Amino acid sequence: MARPRARWGVALASGALWWWAVVRLVCAPGAGAVEAAVAAGGWGLSLLPVHCEPKEQADGAVDARQWVRAWRAGRAARAGSAGPVERA
């Protein structure tokens, strides 16, 4: 039970730190590089879960070997080779 509470605590503390940095950048004339780094880093991390996924689990993911076979088949066709084309 302690792990979910700790995760929520870290998430809330990180969110509060990010909001503090953003509000300080907007409202305080003396805000500097630390606040900007915290705000930019938090924004960048917010994109990570949306855009990063293991390739094997991604919808529409194609095995790398299939790309290699297609590349070789295209090169053979352009070269005028009548060799067999591997099929997956």
Protein backbone atom coordinates (compact mmCIF):
# COMPACT_ATOMS: atom_id res chain seq x y z
CA MET A 1 0.00 0.00 0.00
CA ALA A 2 2.94 2.30 0.57
CA ARG A 3 4.08 2.21 -3.05
CA PRO A 4 0.96 3.80 -4.60
CA ARG A 5 1.03 6.50 -1.92
CA ALA A 6 4.69 7.18 -2.60
CA ARG A 7 4.05 7.38 -6.35
CA TRP A 8 1.21 9.82 -5.83
CA GLY A 9 3.35 11.86 -3.48
CA VAL A 10 6.19 12.08 -6.01
CA ALA A 11 3.74 12.91 -8.80
CA LEU A 12 2.06 15.66 -6.78
CA ALA A 13 5.38 17.12 -5.63
CA SER A 14 6.72 17.12 -9.20
CA GLY A 15 3.54 18.74 -10.49
CA ALA A 16 3.66 21.40 -7.80
CA LEU A 17 7.32 22.12 -8.61
CA TRP A 18 6.51 22.42 -12.31
CA TRP A 19 3.58 24.79 -11.70
CA TRP A 20 5.72 26.87 -9.34
CA ALA A 21 8.36 27.24 -12.07
CA VAL A 22 5.79 28.18 -14.72
CA VAL A 23 4.01 30.72 -12.51
CA ARG A 24 7.35 32.20 -11.45
CA LEU A 25 8.44 32.53 -15.10
CA VAL A 26 5.22 34.34 -15.97
CA CYS A 27 4.85 36.55 -12.89
CA ALA A 28 8.29 37.21 -11.42
CA PRO A 29 10.65 39.57 -13.22
CA GLY A 30 13.68 37.89 -11.62
CA ALA A 31 12.92 34.35 -12.81
CA GLY A 32 15.87 32.73 -14.47
CA ALA A 33 17.43 29.63 -15.90
CA VAL A 34 16.42 27.28 -13.08
CA GLU A 35 12.73 27.97 -13.49
CA ALA A 36 13.01 27.75 -17.26
CA ALA A 37 14.83 24.41 -17.04
CA VAL A 38 12.23 22.98 -14.66
CA ALA A 39 9.35 24.17 -16.85
CA ALA A 40 10.90 22.93 -20.09
CA GLY A 41 11.93 19.61 -18.56
CA GLY A 42 8.47 18.98 -17.15
CA TRP A 43 6.85 19.80 -20.48
CA GLY A 44 9.23 17.46 -22.29
CA LEU A 45 8.53 14.65 -19.85
CA SER A 46 4.80 15.14 -20.32
CA LEU A 47 5.20 14.13 -23.97
CA LEU A 48 7.16 10.99 -23.21
CA PRO A 49 4.35 8.60 -22.19
CA VAL A 50 2.27 9.57 -25.20
CA HIS A 51 4.92 9.16 -27.86
CA CYS A 52 7.14 6.38 -26.53
CA GLU A 53 6.02 2.79 -26.71
CA PRO A 54 7.92 -0.46 -27.15
CA LYS A 55 8.06 -1.27 -30.86
CA GLU A 56 6.65 -4.76 -30.33
CA GLN A 57 3.50 -3.32 -28.70
CA ALA A 58 2.90 -0.42 -31.08
CA ASP A 59 -0.12 -0.56 -33.38
CA GLY A 60 0.96 -1.11 -36.96
CA ALA A 61 4.56 -1.92 -36.03
CA VAL A 62 6.46 -3.78 -38.71
CA ASP A 63 9.26 -6.22 -37.97
CA ALA A 64 12.67 -4.92 -39.06
CA ARG A 65 13.29 -8.09 -41.07
CA GLN A 66 10.28 -7.27 -43.24
CA TRP A 67 11.83 -3.89 -44.11
CA VAL A 68 15.11 -5.59 -45.04
CA ARG A 69 13.32 -8.10 -47.31
CA ALA A 70 11.38 -5.30 -49.02
CA TRP A 71 14.57 -3.26 -49.49
CA ARG A 72 16.42 -6.22 -51.02
CA ALA A 73 13.49 -7.07 -53.28
CA GLY A 74 13.32 -3.48 -54.53
CA ARG A 75 17.07 -3.40 -55.21
CA ALA A 76 16.86 -6.70 -57.08
CA ALA A 77 13.95 -5.44 -59.19
CA ARG A 78 15.80 -2.22 -60.08
CA ALA A 79 18.91 -4.17 -61.04
CA GLY A 80 16.89 -6.28 -63.46
CA SER A 81 17.48 -9.46 -61.51
CA ALA A 82 14.92 -12.19 -62.02
CA GLY A 83 15.78 -13.85 -58.71
CA PRO A 84 13.10 -15.04 -56.33
CA VAL A 85 11.57 -12.58 -53.93
CA GLU A 86 11.28 -13.72 -50.31
CA ARG A 87 7.83 -13.52 -48.85
CA ALA A 88 7.06 -13.14 -45.17
